Structure formats: structure tokens, C-alpha cells
Amino acid sequence: MYFTYILQSETSGRYYIGQTGNLKFRLNRHNENKVISTKNRGPWKIVYFEPYNTRSEAITREKYLKSLKSKKAIEQLISSANFVNLSQLYF
């Protein structure tokens, strides 16, 4: 299973959109400053994710969300979702 996800910086409120096959591992990489685009901007928390059967589906969705270039659109997506505790589902 693959995921498209949205992270939010707990310090600045900025969002980051990505995709992965392992949410827990990827979140840890972001918070360990091992991802160049989010380095020294965390700590990060997952505020939204969508599961996909294939990586290509997750990448397609990631590209679409990044193309929006709108904080308002991202916040509407997050607020419209029934977000659940990730630890109950995938960790």
C-alpha cells in the first residue's frame, strides 16, 4: 500500500505534500532532518493521508495536490476529511 500525505510543521504551520510506501518511516525521516525540502522546519505531524494500491496512483495524486499551490485548498481538503488516529491503522 502507498500513501499520499500532507505534513504540517508544528512550529511554522507550513504544509508539505509527499508520497510513500511507509508513513511511519517517512515521518521519522522528516523529523530527523533527513529530507532536504523539510530540513530544520519541523517538527512535523501528519494531518492528512490517502491510501493507494500503487505507487503511480499516489504520485499522480501528489502531483495534483502540489499543482493546486493553494494553502486554502489544502486546508479545505484537511478539514473535510474524517481524519483518524494513524497509530490505529498503519503503525
PDB file of N, CA and C in Angstrom:
ATOM      1  N   MET A   1       0.837  -1.176   0.000  1.00  0.00           N
ATOM      2  CA  MET A   1       0.000   0.000   0.000  1.00  0.00           C
ATOM      3  C   MET A   1       0.885   1.243   0.000  1.00  0.00           C
ATOM      4  N   TYR A   2       0.433   2.258  -0.721  1.00  0.00           N
ATOM      5  CA  TYR A   2       1.150   3.528  -0.827  1.00  0.00           C
ATOM      6  C   TYR A   2       0.232   4.648  -0.349  1.00  0.00           C
ATOM      7  N   PHE A   3       0.846   5.766  -0.002  1.00  0.00           N
ATOM      8  CA  PHE A   3       0.093   6.874   0.562  1.00  0.00           C
ATOM      9  C   PHE A   3       0.550   8.198  -0.033  1.00  0.00           C
ATOM     10  N   THR A   4      -0.407   9.077  -0.245  1.00  0.00           N
ATOM     11  CA  THR A   4      -0.126  10.488  -0.460  1.00  0.00           C
ATOM     12  C   THR A   4      -0.453  11.138   0.881  1.00  0.00           C
ATOM     13  N   TYR A   5       0.432  12.007   1.347  1.00  0.00           N
ATOM     14  CA  TYR A   5       0.251  12.555   2.686  1.00  0.00           C
ATOM     15  C   TYR A   5       0.524  14.045   2.708  1.00  0.00           C
ATOM     16  N   ILE A   6      -0.021  14.689   3.731  1.00  0.00           N
ATOM     17  CA  ILE A   6       0.252  16.103   3.979  1.00  0.00           C
ATOM     18  C   ILE A   6       0.765  16.219   5.402  1.00  0.00           C
ATOM     19  N   LEU A   7       1.920  16.846   5.527  1.00  0.00           N
ATOM     20  CA  LEU A   7       2.501  17.132   6.836  1.00  0.00           C
ATOM     21  C   LEU A   7       2.292  18.603   7.147  1.00  0.00           C
ATOM     22  N   GLN A   8       2.280  18.906   8.432  1.00  0.00           N
ATOM     23  CA  GLN A   8       2.252  20.302   8.864  1.00  0.00           C
ATOM     24  C   GLN A   8       3.350  20.512   9.893  1.00  0.00           C
ATOM     25  N   SER A   9       4.095  21.584   9.720  1.00  0.00           N
ATOM     26  CA  SER A   9       5.128  21.939  10.683  1.00  0.00           C
ATOM     27  C   SER A   9       4.456  22.431  11.955  1.00  0.00           C
ATOM     28  N   GLU A  10       4.884  21.879  13.074  1.00  0.00           N
ATOM     29  CA  GLU A  10       4.311  22.296  14.357  1.00  0.00           C
ATOM     30  C   GLU A  10       4.828  23.661  14.797  1.00  0.00           C
ATOM     31  N   THR A  11       5.894  24.152  14.166  1.00  0.00           N
ATOM     32  CA  THR A  11       6.424  25.467  14.543  1.00  0.00           C
ATOM     33  C   THR A  11       5.928  26.582  13.629  1.00  0.00           C
ATOM     34  N   SER A  12       5.926  26.348  12.320  1.00  0.00           N
ATOM     35  CA  SER A  12       5.559  27.418  11.388  1.00  0.00           C
ATOM     36  C   SER A  12       4.161  27.270  10.796  1.00  0.00           C
ATOM     37  N   GLY A  13       3.586  26.070  10.862  1.00  0.00           N
ATOM     38  CA  GLY A  13       2.275  25.852  10.260  1.00  0.00           C
ATOM     39  C   GLY A  13       2.329  25.526   8.782  1.00  0.00           C
ATOM     40  N   ARG A  14       3.525  25.527   8.190  1.00  0.00           N
ATOM     41  CA  ARG A  14       3.683  25.219   6.763  1.00  0.00           C
ATOM     42  C   ARG A  14       3.272  23.788   6.463  1.00  0.00           C
ATOM     43  N   TYR A  15       2.852  23.562   5.218  1.00  0.00           N
ATOM     44  CA  TYR A  15       2.468  22.234   4.772  1.00  0.00           C
ATOM     45  C   TYR A  15       3.519  21.654   3.841  1.00  0.00           C
ATOM     46  N   TYR A  16       3.596  20.330   3.836  1.00  0.00           N
ATOM     47  CA  TYR A  16       4.448  19.601   2.904  1.00  0.00           C
ATOM     48  C   TYR A  16       3.624  18.432   2.369  1.00  0.00           C
ATOM     49  N   ILE A  17       3.653  18.226   1.054  1.00  0.00           N
ATOM     50  CA  ILE A  17       2.910  17.142   0.413  1.00  0.00           C
ATOM     51  C   ILE A  17       3.904  16.138  -0.141  1.00  0.00           C
ATOM     52  N   GLY A  18       3.657  14.857   0.113  1.00  0.00           N
ATOM     53  CA  GLY A  18       4.552  13.820  -0.382  1.00  0.00           C
ATOM     54  C   GLY A  18       3.823  12.507  -0.574  1.00  0.00           C
ATOM     55  N   GLN A  19       4.574  11.485  -0.960  1.00  0.00           N
ATOM     56  CA  GLN A  19       4.033  10.136  -1.102  1.00  0.00           C
ATOM     57  C   GLN A  19       5.068   9.140  -0.617  1.00  0.00           C
ATOM     58  N   THR A  20       4.581   7.996  -0.133  1.00  0.00           N
ATOM     59  CA  THR A  20       5.477   6.992   0.440  1.00  0.00           C
ATOM     60  C   THR A  20       4.788   5.635   0.499  1.00  0.00           C
ATOM     61  N   GLY A  21       5.568   4.613   0.728  1.00  0.00           N
ATOM     62  CA  GLY A  21       5.041   3.281   0.980  1.00  0.00           C
ATOM     63  C   GLY A  21       5.014   2.962   2.462  1.00  0.00           C
ATOM     64  N   ASN A  22       5.574   3.854   3.292  1.00  0.00           N
ATOM     65  CA  ASN A  22       5.644   3.615   4.738  1.00  0.00           C
ATOM     66  C   ASN A  22       5.532   4.953   5.468  1.00  0.00           C
ATOM     67  N   LEU A  23       4.348   5.251   5.960  1.00  0.00           N
ATOM     68  CA  LEU A  23       4.095   6.548   6.603  1.00  0.00           C
ATOM     69  C   LEU A  23       4.963   6.784   7.833  1.00  0.00           C
ATOM     70  N   LYS A  24       5.057   5.792   8.695  1.00  0.00           N
ATOM     71  CA  LYS A  24       5.814   5.971   9.931  1.00  0.00           C
ATOM     72  C   LYS A  24       7.283   6.254   9.635  1.00  0.00           C
ATOM     73  N   PHE A  25       7.875   5.470   8.744  1.00  0.00           N
ATOM     74  CA  PHE A  25       9.277   5.657   8.389  1.00  0.00           C
ATOM     75  C   PHE A  25       9.501   7.034   7.773  1.00  0.00           C
ATOM     76  N   ARG A  26       8.613   7.419   6.871  1.00  0.00           N
ATOM     77  CA  ARG A  26       8.774   8.701   6.182  1.00  0.00           C
ATOM     78  C   ARG A  26       8.635   9.875   7.150  1.00  0.00           C
ATOM     79  N   LEU A  27       7.667   9.807   8.067  1.00  0.00           N
ATOM     80  CA  LEU A  27       7.514  10.863   9.062  1.00  0.00           C
ATOM     81  C   LEU A  27       8.774  10.973   9.916  1.00  0.00           C
ATOM     82  N   ASN A  28       9.322   9.839  10.311  1.00  0.00           N
ATOM     83  CA  ASN A  28      10.563   9.858  11.087  1.00  0.00           C
ATOM     84  C   ASN A  28      11.697  10.506  10.306  1.00  0.00           C
ATOM     85  N   ARG A  29      11.803  10.218   9.003  1.00  0.00           N
ATOM     86  CA  ARG A  29      12.852  10.831   8.169  1.00  0.00           C
ATOM     87  C   ARG A  29      12.700  12.359   8.133  1.00  0.00           C
ATOM     88  N   HIS A  30      11.472  12.814   8.011  1.00  0.00           N
ATOM     89  CA  HIS A  30      11.236  14.266   8.024  1.00  0.00           C
ATOM     90  C   HIS A  30      11.660  14.860   9.364  1.00  0.00           C
ATOM     91  N   ASN A  31      11.277  14.225  10.443  1.00  0.00           N
ATOM     92  CA  ASN A  31      11.568  14.761  11.777  1.00  0.00           C
ATOM     93  C   ASN A  31      13.022  14.584  12.193  1.00  0.00           C
ATOM     94  N   GLU A  32      13.763  13.714  11.508  1.00  0.00           N
ATOM     95  CA  GLU A  32      15.203  13.554  11.760  1.00  0.00           C
ATOM     96  C   GLU A  32      16.041  14.449  10.842  1.00  0.00           C
ATOM     97  N   ASN A  33      15.373  15.344  10.114  1.00  0.00           N
ATOM     98  CA  ASN A  33      16.032  16.278   9.183  1.00  0.00           C
ATOM     99  C   ASN A  33      16.809  15.571   8.084  1.00  0.00           C
ATOM    100  N   LYS A  34      16.300  14.443   7.604  1.00  0.00           N
ATOM    101  CA  LYS A  34      16.960  13.695   6.544  1.00  0.00           C
ATOM    102  C   LYS A  34      16.293  13.887   5.187  1.00  0.00           C
ATOM    103  N   VAL A  35      15.333  14.808   5.123  1.00  0.00           N
ATOM    104  CA  VAL A  35      14.673  15.159   3.870  1.00  0.00           C
ATOM    105  C   VAL A  35      15.022  16.620   3.601  1.00  0.00           C
ATOM    106  N   ILE A  36      15.722  16.863   2.517  1.00  0.00           N
ATOM    107  CA  ILE A  36      16.251  18.201   2.234  1.00  0.00           C
ATOM    108  C   ILE A  36      15.165  19.273   2.232  1.00  0.00           C
ATOM    109  N   SER A  37      14.019  18.986   1.618  1.00  0.00           N
ATOM    110  CA  SER A  37      12.998  20.027   1.482  1.00  0.00           C
ATOM    111  C   SER A  37      12.295  20.382   2.787  1.00  0.00           C
ATOM    112  N   THR A  38      12.445  19.564   3.824  1.00  0.00           N
ATOM    113  CA  THR A  38      11.811  19.882   5.109  1.00  0.00           C
ATOM    114  C   THR A  38      12.822  20.036   6.238  1.00  0.00           C
ATOM    115  N   LYS A  39      14.087  19.985   5.900  1.00  0.00           N
ATOM    116  CA  LYS A  39      15.136  20.031   6.917  1.00  0.00           C
ATOM    117  C   LYS A  39      15.057  21.318   7.740  1.00  0.00           C
ATOM    118  N   ASN A  40      15.157  21.160   9.053  1.00  0.00           N
ATOM    119  CA  ASN A  40      15.147  22.273  10.015  1.00  0.00           C
ATOM    120  C   ASN A  40      13.872  23.109   9.980  1.00  0.00           C
ATOM    121  N   ARG A  41      12.771  22.505   9.567  1.00  0.00           N
ATOM    122  CA  ARG A  41      11.491  23.219   9.541  1.00  0.00           C
ATOM    123  C   ARG A  41      10.440  22.540  10.406  1.00  0.00           C
ATOM    124  N   GLY A  42      10.807  21.468  11.078  1.00  0.00           N
ATOM    125  CA  GLY A  42       9.865  20.691  11.882  1.00  0.00           C
ATOM    126  C   GLY A  42       9.850  21.149  13.315  1.00  0.00           C
ATOM    127  N   PRO A  43       9.295  20.367  14.181  1.00  0.00           N
ATOM    128  CA  PRO A  43       8.829  19.000  13.944  1.00  0.00           C
ATOM    129  C   PRO A  43       7.557  18.978  13.099  1.00  0.00           C
ATOM    130  N   TRP A  44       7.364  17.837  12.439  1.00  0.00           N
ATOM    131  CA  TRP A  44       6.249  17.642  11.524  1.00  0.00           C
ATOM    132  C   TRP A  44       5.250  16.664  12.100  1.00  0.00           C
ATOM    133  N   LYS A  45       3.991  16.851  11.728  1.00  0.00           N
ATOM    134  CA  LYS A  45       2.940  15.899  12.076  1.00  0.00           C
ATOM    135  C   LYS A  45       2.109  15.628  10.824  1.00  0.00           C
ATOM    136  N   ILE A  46       1.592  14.420  10.721  1.00  0.00           N
ATOM    137  CA  ILE A  46       0.732  14.074   9.590  1.00  0.00           C
ATOM    138  C   ILE A  46      -0.660  14.607   9.884  1.00  0.00           C
ATOM    139  N   VAL A  47      -1.179  15.421   8.962  1.00  0.00           N
ATOM    140  CA  VAL A  47      -2.515  15.981   9.142  1.00  0.00           C
ATOM    141  C   VAL A  47      -3.516  15.402   8.140  1.00  0.00           C
ATOM    142  N   TYR A  48      -3.011  14.664   7.137  1.00  0.00           N
ATOM    143  CA  TYR A  48      -3.898  14.096   6.120  1.00  0.00           C
ATOM    144  C   TYR A  48      -3.146  13.022   5.354  1.00  0.00           C
ATOM    145  N   PHE A  49      -3.858  11.973   4.968  1.00  0.00           N
ATOM    146  CA  PHE A  49      -3.270  10.978   4.075  1.00  0.00           C
ATOM    147  C   PHE A  49      -4.366  10.258   3.309  1.00  0.00           C
ATOM    148  N   GLU A  50      -3.988   9.704   2.157  1.00  0.00           N
ATOM    149  CA  GLU A  50      -4.883   8.910   1.334  1.00  0.00           C
ATOM    150  C   GLU A  50      -4.140   7.637   0.931  1.00  0.00           C
ATOM    151  N   PRO A  51      -4.753   6.460   1.097  1.00  0.00           N
ATOM    152  CA  PRO A  51      -4.104   5.216   0.685  1.00  0.00           C
ATOM    153  C   PRO A  51      -4.359   4.913  -0.795  1.00  0.00           C
ATOM    154  N   TYR A  52      -3.379   4.287  -1.439  1.00  0.00           N
ATOM    155  CA  TYR A  52      -3.486   3.866  -2.837  1.00  0.00           C
ATOM    156  C   TYR A  52      -2.883   2.484  -2.999  1.00  0.00           C
ATOM    157  N   ASN A  53      -3.364   1.757  -4.003  1.00  0.00           N
ATOM    158  CA  ASN A  53      -2.856   0.418  -4.264  1.00  0.00           C
ATOM    159  C   ASN A  53      -1.508   0.421  -4.966  1.00  0.00           C
ATOM    160  N   THR A  54      -1.254   1.458  -5.758  1.00  0.00           N
ATOM    161  CA  THR A  54       0.004   1.510  -6.500  1.00  0.00           C
ATOM    162  C   THR A  54       0.730   2.824  -6.240  1.00  0.00           C
ATOM    163  N   ARG A  55       2.033   2.780  -6.425  1.00  0.00           N
ATOM    164  CA  ARG A  55       2.832   3.990  -6.238  1.00  0.00           C
ATOM    165  C   ARG A  55       2.480   5.035  -7.290  1.00  0.00           C
ATOM    166  N   SER A  56       2.204   4.590  -8.505  1.00  0.00           N
ATOM    167  CA  SER A  56       1.885   5.558  -9.556  1.00  0.00           C
ATOM    168  C   SER A  56       0.613   6.337  -9.233  1.00  0.00           C
ATOM    169  N   GLU A  57      -0.366   5.706  -8.610  1.00  0.00           N
ATOM    170  CA  GLU A  57      -1.578   6.424  -8.190  1.00  0.00           C
ATOM    171  C   GLU A  57      -1.241   7.466  -7.123  1.00  0.00           C
ATOM    172  N   ALA A  58      -0.400   7.086  -6.174  1.00  0.00           N
ATOM    173  CA  ALA A  58      -0.006   8.016  -5.101  1.00  0.00           C
ATOM    174  C   ALA A  58       0.771   9.198  -5.671  1.00  0.00           C
ATOM    175  N   ILE A  59       1.659   8.934  -6.614  1.00  0.00           N
ATOM    176  CA  ILE A  59       2.444  10.003  -7.237  1.00  0.00           C
ATOM    177  C   ILE A  59       1.540  10.946  -8.029  1.00  0.00           C
ATOM    178  N   THR A  60       0.589  10.389  -8.756  1.00  0.00           N
ATOM    179  CA  THR A  60      -0.341  11.214  -9.525  1.00  0.00           C
ATOM    180  C   THR A  60      -1.118  12.155  -8.609  1.00  0.00           C
ATOM    181  N   ARG A  61      -1.595  11.619  -7.490  1.00  0.00           N
ATOM    182  CA  ARG A  61      -2.337  12.456  -6.536  1.00  0.00           C
ATOM    183  C   ARG A  61      -1.431  13.509  -5.898  1.00  0.00           C
ATOM    184  N   GLU A  62      -0.190  13.119  -5.564  1.00  0.00           N
ATOM    185  CA  GLU A  62       0.776  14.073  -5.004  1.00  0.00           C
ATOM    186  C   GLU A  62       0.997  15.229  -5.970  1.00  0.00           C
ATOM    187  N   LYS A  63       1.209  14.915  -7.241  1.00  0.00           N
ATOM    188  CA  LYS A  63       1.434  15.961  -8.241  1.00  0.00           C
ATOM    189  C   LYS A  63       0.223  16.884  -8.361  1.00  0.00           C
ATOM    190  N   TYR A  64      -0.972  16.304  -8.311  1.00  0.00           N
ATOM    191  CA  TYR A  64      -2.174  17.122  -8.392  1.00  0.00           C
ATOM    192  C   TYR A  64      -2.262  18.081  -7.201  1.00  0.00           C
ATOM    193  N   LEU A  65      -2.080  17.547  -5.997  1.00  0.00           N
ATOM    194  CA  LEU A  65      -2.171  18.401  -4.806  1.00  0.00           C
ATOM    195  C   LEU A  65      -1.121  19.503  -4.833  1.00  0.00           C
ATOM    196  N   LYS A  66       0.085  19.180  -5.279  1.00  0.00           N
ATOM    197  CA  LYS A  66       1.131  20.201  -5.378  1.00  0.00           C
ATOM    198  C   LYS A  66       0.790  21.246  -6.437  1.00  0.00           C
ATOM    199  N   SER A  67       0.075  20.848  -7.479  1.00  0.00           N
ATOM    200  CA  SER A  67      -0.279  21.788  -8.547  1.00  0.00           C
ATOM    201  C   SER A  67      -1.298  22.828  -8.080  1.00  0.00           C
ATOM    202  N   LEU A  68      -2.024  22.540  -7.007  1.00  0.00           N
ATOM    203  CA  LEU A  68      -3.016  23.498  -6.501  1.00  0.00           C
ATOM    204  C   LEU A  68      -2.357  24.785  -6.026  1.00  0.00           C
ATOM    205  N   LYS A  69      -1.177  24.664  -5.424  1.00  0.00           N
ATOM    206  CA  LYS A  69      -0.427  25.817  -4.931  1.00  0.00           C
ATOM    207  C   LYS A  69      -1.301  26.761  -4.111  1.00  0.00           C
ATOM    208  N   SER A  70      -2.171  26.163  -3.320  1.00  0.00           N
ATOM    209  CA  SER A  70      -3.102  26.971  -2.549  1.00  0.00           C
ATOM    210  C   SER A  70      -3.221  26.434  -1.130  1.00  0.00           C
ATOM    211  N   LYS A  71      -2.809  27.243  -0.181  1.00  0.00           N
ATOM    212  CA  LYS A  71      -2.927  26.850   1.227  1.00  0.00           C
ATOM    213  C   LYS A  71      -4.396  26.660   1.588  1.00  0.00           C
ATOM    214  N   LYS A  72      -5.253  27.508   1.044  1.00  0.00           N
ATOM    215  CA  LYS A  72      -6.682  27.420   1.328  1.00  0.00           C
ATOM    216  C   LYS A  72      -7.263  26.090   0.836  1.00  0.00           C
ATOM    217  N   ALA A  73      -6.883  25.659  -0.353  1.00  0.00           N
ATOM    218  CA  ALA A  73      -7.378  24.391  -0.897  1.00  0.00           C
ATOM    219  C   ALA A  73      -6.903  23.219  -0.058  1.00  0.00           C
ATOM    220  N   ILE A  74      -5.657  23.269   0.382  1.00  0.00           N
ATOM    221  CA  ILE A  74      -5.117  22.203   1.230  1.00  0.00           C
ATOM    222  C   ILE A  74      -5.856  22.168   2.561  1.00  0.00           C
ATOM    223  N   GLU A  75      -6.102  23.318   3.144  1.00  0.00           N
ATOM    224  CA  GLU A  75      -6.813  23.375   4.425  1.00  0.00           C
ATOM    225  C   GLU A  75      -8.253  22.894   4.291  1.00  0.00           C
ATOM    226  N   GLN A  76      -8.896  23.174   3.156  1.00  0.00           N
ATOM    227  CA  GLN A  76     -10.255  22.676   2.925  1.00  0.00           C
ATOM    228  C   GLN A  76     -10.252  21.159   2.810  1.00  0.00           C
ATOM    229  N   LEU A  77      -9.260  20.609   2.121  1.00  0.00           N
ATOM    230  CA  LEU A  77      -9.138  19.155   1.992  1.00  0.00           C
ATOM    231  C   LEU A  77      -8.962  18.514   3.363  1.00  0.00           C
ATOM    232  N   ILE A  78      -8.073  19.073   4.164  1.00  0.00           N
ATOM    233  CA  ILE A  78      -7.811  18.539   5.505  1.00  0.00           C
ATOM    234  C   ILE A  78      -9.064  18.616   6.373  1.00  0.00           C
ATOM    235  N   SER A  79      -9.747  19.754   6.346  1.00  0.00           N
ATOM    236  CA  SER A  79     -10.915  19.937   7.217  1.00  0.00           C
ATOM    237  C   SER A  79     -12.106  19.090   6.773  1.00  0.00           C
ATOM    238  N   SER A  80     -12.172  18.729   5.490  1.00  0.00           N
ATOM    239  CA  SER A  80     -13.304  17.935   5.007  1.00  0.00           C
ATOM    240  C   SER A  80     -13.111  16.442   5.256  1.00  0.00           C
ATOM    241  N   ALA A  81     -11.916  16.037   5.619  1.00  0.00           N
ATOM    242  CA  ALA A  81     -11.622  14.617   5.818  1.00  0.00           C
ATOM    243  C   ALA A  81     -11.999  14.175   7.219  1.00  0.00           C
ATOM    244  N   ASN A  82     -12.372  12.941   7.331  1.00  0.00           N
ATOM    245  CA  ASN A  82     -12.603  12.323   8.636  1.00  0.00           C
ATOM    246  C   ASN A  82     -11.296  11.686   9.068  1.00  0.00           C
ATOM    247  N   PHE A  83     -10.390  12.495   9.564  1.00  0.00           N
ATOM    248  CA  PHE A  83      -9.054  12.024   9.922  1.00  0.00           C
ATOM    249  C   PHE A  83      -9.110  11.196  11.189  1.00  0.00           C
ATOM    250  N   VAL A  84      -8.432  10.053  11.149  1.00  0.00           N
ATOM    251  CA  VAL A  84      -8.402   9.156  12.313  1.00  0.00           C
ATOM    252  C   VAL A  84      -6.983   9.043  12.827  1.00  0.00           C
ATOM    253  N   ASN A  85      -6.831   8.494  13.997  1.00  0.00           N
ATOM    254  CA  ASN A  85      -5.514   8.296  14.588  1.00  0.00           C
ATOM    255  C   ASN A  85      -4.721   7.301  13.745  1.00  0.00           C
ATOM    256  N   LEU A  86      -3.611   7.749  13.180  1.00  0.00           N
ATOM    257  CA  LEU A  86      -2.800   6.886  12.318  1.00  0.00           C
ATOM    258  C   LEU A  86      -2.306   5.646  13.036  1.00  0.00           C
ATOM    259  N   SER A  87      -2.005   5.762  14.314  1.00  0.00           N
ATOM    260  CA  SER A  87      -1.436   4.637  15.029  1.00  0.00           C
ATOM    261  C   SER A  87      -2.411   3.461  15.080  1.00  0.00           C
ATOM    262  N   GLN A  88      -3.682   3.727  14.960  1.00  0.00           N
ATOM    263  CA  GLN A  88      -4.661   2.657  14.971  1.00  0.00           C
ATOM    264  C   GLN A  88      -4.721   1.919  13.629  1.00  0.00           C
ATOM    265  N   LEU A  89      -4.312   2.573  12.562  1.00  0.00           N
ATOM    266  CA  LEU A  89      -4.465   1.985  11.235  1.00  0.00           C
ATOM    267  C   LEU A  89      -3.191   1.391  10.655  1.00  0.00           C
ATOM    268  N   TYR A  90      -2.098   2.130  10.670  1.00  0.00           N
ATOM    269  CA  TYR A  90      -0.952   1.742   9.865  1.00  0.00           C
ATOM    270  C   TYR A  90       0.356   1.611  10.624  1.00  0.00           C
ATOM    271  N   PHE A  91       0.391   1.880  11.916  1.00  0.00           N
ATOM    272  CA  PHE A  91       1.660   1.817  12.630  1.00  0.00           C
ATOM    273  C   PHE A  91       1.747   0.578  13.459  1.00  0.00           C
TER     274      PHE A  91
END
